[in-house]
Amino acid sequence: MPYCLTSEANSGIPLTYDHIAPVSKGGPTSFENVCLACRPCNEFKAGATESVDPLTGEVVPLFNPRIHRWSDHFTWSVDATRVMSGVRCARDAPRS
């Protein structure tokens, strides 16, 4: 499942493999370190593993689908067309 929990068929956007821990930072190409993401989100995330929380200024980790529970970090918009972040470590995570 991709970060946004939707499918390529539903979104119409081709999914790519994203390294959760980027190869550029020593992340392996393994099942445990790969997640599906749409190309725009994958490219936006690039080599990032953390971001600055715009409300607190703290550096926080980006959402990791292997260790975080999606529903603790995100929700769908009322019209179910956008992923909305709800907690600090998810505010700057990739969105579809």
Foldseek 3Di string as FASTA:
>chain_A
DALAPDDCVVPVADKDKAFLQDVVNVGDPDPLGIHIDGVVQRVVCPNPQWDQQPVPRDIAGADDPNPDDSVVFWDAPPVRPWIDGDDRNHRPHGID
